[in-house]
Amino acid sequence: NLLKLNLDHNSISSIEGLYPMLQQCNNLGRTQDGDWFRPKLKELYLRKNNLSDLHSQTMAVMTQLSFLDISNNSLETIPSVVGYLRELNKITLDGNPFRIIRSAISYRSQGGIDTEKLMSSLRKRDYPPQGPGYHPDAGYSEGPNGKDMVTPQKVMEAKMLVRRATFDQKSLDISGRNIIG
């Protein structure tokens, strides 16, 4: 039930053990009995630690996270799953040696990171996660009677190809994909 966690100014090198429950879940937080592990954490402060990586599985379950401060660490990238966190509306990340996502980081005229642009860029980098609580681009929804409804994998692959072609590669190659119309 924790809503705000401040771990600033420690020597934390990983957030992998933040939720021990994840050891009993698949990589997106689905428990063995079919439920989804989703903590209620809304704010996470990790400023001035020794982080060189944000553990993807840990980040994936934080679907209610609205603020993330990862400034002054040793991060070179952010996991693409962060781009699908629907509630996340502010990220502070100054003081990191970002190399892989540097081009996706832009600042608003009134100051601060353009979070939506960054998250949009992260969503274009990898396939969307399956499960509840993610951005609508993830292709998951709960159908009638609470059953999972997932966009077919072929549709998700096609969307990813178009995203990459539009924003990154500037070309679309669908050769050898066995597309049947």
Protein backbone atom coordinates (compact mmCIF):
# COMPACT_ATOMS: atom_id res chain seq x y z
CA ASN A 1 0.00 0.00 0.00
CA LEU A 2 3.06 2.27 -0.11
CA LEU A 3 2.41 5.36 -2.27
CA LYS A 4 5.72 7.28 -2.04
CA LEU A 5 9.21 5.83 -1.67
CA ASN A 6 12.31 8.00 -1.27
CA LEU A 7 15.62 6.17 -1.68
CA ASP A 8 17.71 9.26 -2.53
CA HIS A 9 21.39 9.49 -1.56
CA ASN A 10 22.09 5.81 -0.99
CA SER A 11 24.50 3.46 -2.70
CA ILE A 12 21.78 1.49 -4.47
CA SER A 13 23.07 -0.23 -7.59
CA SER A 14 19.87 -2.12 -8.48
CA ILE A 15 16.13 -1.98 -7.82
CA GLU A 16 15.72 -5.65 -8.69
CA GLY A 17 14.87 -6.71 -5.12
CA LEU A 18 12.39 -3.90 -4.48
CA TYR A 19 9.42 -6.29 -4.73
CA PRO A 20 10.30 -9.80 -3.49
CA MET A 21 6.86 -10.92 -4.73
CA LEU A 22 8.25 -10.70 -8.29
CA GLN A 23 10.20 -13.91 -7.72
CA GLN A 24 6.87 -15.72 -7.87
CA CYS A 25 5.67 -13.91 -11.02
CA ASN A 26 6.39 -13.97 -14.73
CA ASN A 27 8.40 -11.09 -16.20
CA LEU A 28 5.39 -8.72 -16.28
CA GLY A 29 4.05 -9.47 -12.83
CA ARG A 30 1.53 -12.24 -13.48
CA THR A 31 1.28 -14.50 -10.46
CA GLN A 32 1.06 -18.27 -10.63
CA ASP A 33 -2.68 -18.14 -9.92
CA GLY A 34 -3.26 -15.78 -12.87
CA ASP A 35 -3.62 -12.49 -11.00
CA TRP A 36 -1.46 -9.46 -11.79
CA PHE A 37 0.90 -8.05 -9.14
CA ARG A 38 0.55 -4.27 -9.34
CA PRO A 39 1.86 -2.19 -6.41
CA LYS A 40 0.16 1.12 -5.65
CA LEU A 41 3.41 3.11 -5.67
CA LYS A 42 2.89 6.55 -7.23
CA GLU A 43 6.20 8.32 -6.55
CA LEU A 44 9.70 6.82 -6.62
CA TYR A 45 12.79 8.87 -5.77
CA LEU A 46 16.14 7.27 -6.69
CA ARG A 47 18.30 10.39 -6.98
CA LYS A 48 22.06 10.19 -6.37
CA ASN A 49 22.55 6.44 -6.24
CA ASN A 50 24.76 4.07 -8.24
CA LEU A 51 22.13 2.83 -10.69
CA SER A 52 23.43 1.80 -14.09
CA ASP A 53 20.24 -0.04 -15.02
CA LEU A 54 16.55 0.16 -14.14
CA HIS A 55 15.38 -3.43 -13.75
CA SER A 56 12.75 -3.95 -16.47
CA GLN A 57 10.62 -6.43 -14.53
CA THR A 58 10.48 -4.16 -11.50
CA MET A 59 9.57 -1.14 -13.63
CA ALA A 60 6.94 -3.17 -15.54
CA VAL A 61 4.78 -3.77 -12.46
CA MET A 62 4.72 -0.10 -11.40
CA THR A 63 1.69 0.70 -13.53
CA GLN A 64 0.40 3.35 -11.09
CA LEU A 65 3.69 5.28 -10.95
CA SER A 66 3.15 8.97 -11.74
CA PHE A 67 6.56 10.44 -10.80
CA LEU A 68 10.05 8.99 -11.21
CA ASP A 69 13.25 10.75 -10.13
CA ILE A 70 16.32 8.93 -11.42
CA SER A 71 18.62 11.94 -11.63
CA ASN A 72 22.35 11.75 -10.87
CA ASN A 73 22.94 8.05 -11.44
CA SER A 74 24.94 6.17 -14.08
CA LEU A 75 22.07 5.32 -16.43
CA GLU A 76 22.76 5.09 -20.15
CA THR A 77 19.20 4.11 -21.07
CA ILE A 78 15.72 3.53 -19.68
CA PRO A 79 13.81 0.28 -20.28
CA SER A 80 11.22 0.60 -23.04
CA VAL A 81 8.50 -0.66 -20.67
CA VAL A 82 8.70 2.72 -18.88
CA GLY A 83 7.18 4.28 -22.01
CA TYR A 84 4.07 2.15 -21.51
CA LEU A 85 3.44 3.20 -17.88
CA ARG A 86 0.11 4.94 -18.40
CA GLU A 87 0.12 7.06 -15.22
CA LEU A 88 3.73 8.28 -15.47
CA ASN A 89 3.62 12.00 -16.24
CA LYS A 90 6.93 13.31 -14.87
CA ILE A 91 10.47 11.95 -15.04
CA THR A 92 13.52 13.70 -13.63
CA LEU A 93 16.73 12.35 -15.14
CA ASP A 94 19.42 15.04 -15.20
CA GLY A 95 22.98 14.00 -14.41
CA ASN A 96 22.99 10.65 -16.20
CA PRO A 97 25.30 9.73 -19.10
CA PHE A 98 22.44 8.76 -21.41
CA ARG A 99 23.84 7.52 -24.68
CA ILE A 100 21.16 5.28 -26.11
CA ILE A 101 18.16 7.57 -25.56
CA ARG A 102 19.87 10.96 -25.72
CA SER A 103 18.03 11.98 -28.91
CA ALA A 104 14.67 11.28 -27.22
CA ILE A 105 15.34 13.70 -24.37
CA SER A 106 14.05 17.19 -24.96
CA TYR A 107 13.16 20.00 -22.60
CA ARG A 108 10.00 22.09 -22.54
CA SER A 109 10.33 25.85 -22.88
CA GLN A 110 9.10 26.31 -19.30
CA GLY A 111 11.72 23.79 -18.06
CA GLY A 112 11.70 20.09 -17.31
CA ILE A 113 11.79 17.05 -19.52
CA ASP A 114 9.15 16.61 -22.20
CA THR A 115 7.94 13.39 -20.61
CA GLU A 116 5.40 12.51 -23.29
CA LYS A 117 7.99 12.80 -26.06
CA LEU A 118 10.42 10.61 -24.13
CA MET A 119 7.76 8.01 -23.37
CA SER A 120 6.60 7.98 -26.97
CA SER A 121 10.17 7.36 -28.08
CA LEU A 122 10.54 4.51 -25.57
CA ARG A 123 7.34 2.88 -26.86
CA LYS A 124 8.81 2.82 -30.36
CA ARG A 125 11.86 0.86 -29.23
CA ASP A 126 10.27 -2.44 -28.28
CA TYR A 127 7.12 -4.51 -28.36
CA PRO A 128 4.46 -3.46 -25.87
CA PRO A 129 4.04 -5.42 -22.65
CA GLN A 130 0.99 -7.57 -22.09
CA GLY A 131 -1.11 -7.04 -18.99
CA PRO A 132 -3.30 -4.44 -17.33
CA GLY A 133 -2.35 -0.86 -16.50
CA TYR A 134 -0.29 0.04 -19.54
CA HIS A 135 -0.64 2.74 -22.19
CA PRO A 136 -3.35 1.92 -24.77
CA ASP A 137 -0.63 1.18 -27.36
CA ALA A 138 0.14 -1.97 -25.38
CA GLY A 139 -2.82 -3.75 -26.98
CA TYR A 140 -4.19 -5.28 -23.78
CA SER A 141 -7.61 -4.79 -22.34
CA GLU A 142 -9.96 -6.59 -20.02
CA GLY A 143 -12.92 -7.98 -21.84
CA PRO A 144 -16.29 -9.06 -20.53
CA ASN A 145 -16.18 -11.01 -17.28
CA GLY A 146 -12.65 -9.74 -16.56
CA LYS A 147 -11.01 -11.99 -19.14
CA ASP A 148 -7.83 -10.88 -20.84
CA MET A 149 -8.16 -9.59 -24.38
CA VAL A 150 -4.86 -9.28 -26.20
CA THR A 151 -4.18 -7.85 -29.63
CA PRO A 152 -2.85 -10.67 -31.84
CA GLN A 153 0.95 -10.86 -32.05
CA LYS A 154 0.98 -10.30 -35.83
CA VAL A 155 -0.93 -7.03 -35.39
CA MET A 156 1.49 -5.90 -32.68
CA GLU A 157 4.47 -6.76 -34.91
CA ALA A 158 2.96 -4.76 -37.78
CA LYS A 159 2.39 -1.74 -35.53
CA MET A 160 6.00 -1.94 -34.30
CA LEU A 161 7.33 -2.09 -37.87
CA VAL A 162 5.34 0.99 -38.85
CA ARG A 163 6.45 2.87 -35.70
CA ARG A 164 10.10 2.13 -36.36
CA ALA A 165 9.77 3.05 -40.03
CA THR A 166 8.02 6.31 -39.23
CA PHE A 167 10.30 7.54 -36.49
CA ASP A 168 13.63 5.74 -36.50
CA GLN A 169 14.55 4.05 -39.73
CA LYS A 170 12.59 6.19 -42.19
CA SER A 171 12.00 3.07 -44.33
CA LEU A 172 9.59 0.17 -44.15
CA ASP A 173 10.80 -3.34 -44.99
CA ILE A 174 8.13 -6.03 -44.80
CA SER A 175 9.86 -8.56 -47.03
CA GLY A 176 9.68 -12.18 -45.90
CA ARG A 177 6.92 -11.57 -43.37
CA ASN A 178 4.26 -13.82 -44.97
CA ILE A 179 1.65 -11.10 -44.94
CA ILE A 180 -1.66 -12.41 -46.18
CA GLY A 181 -4.29 -9.88 -47.15
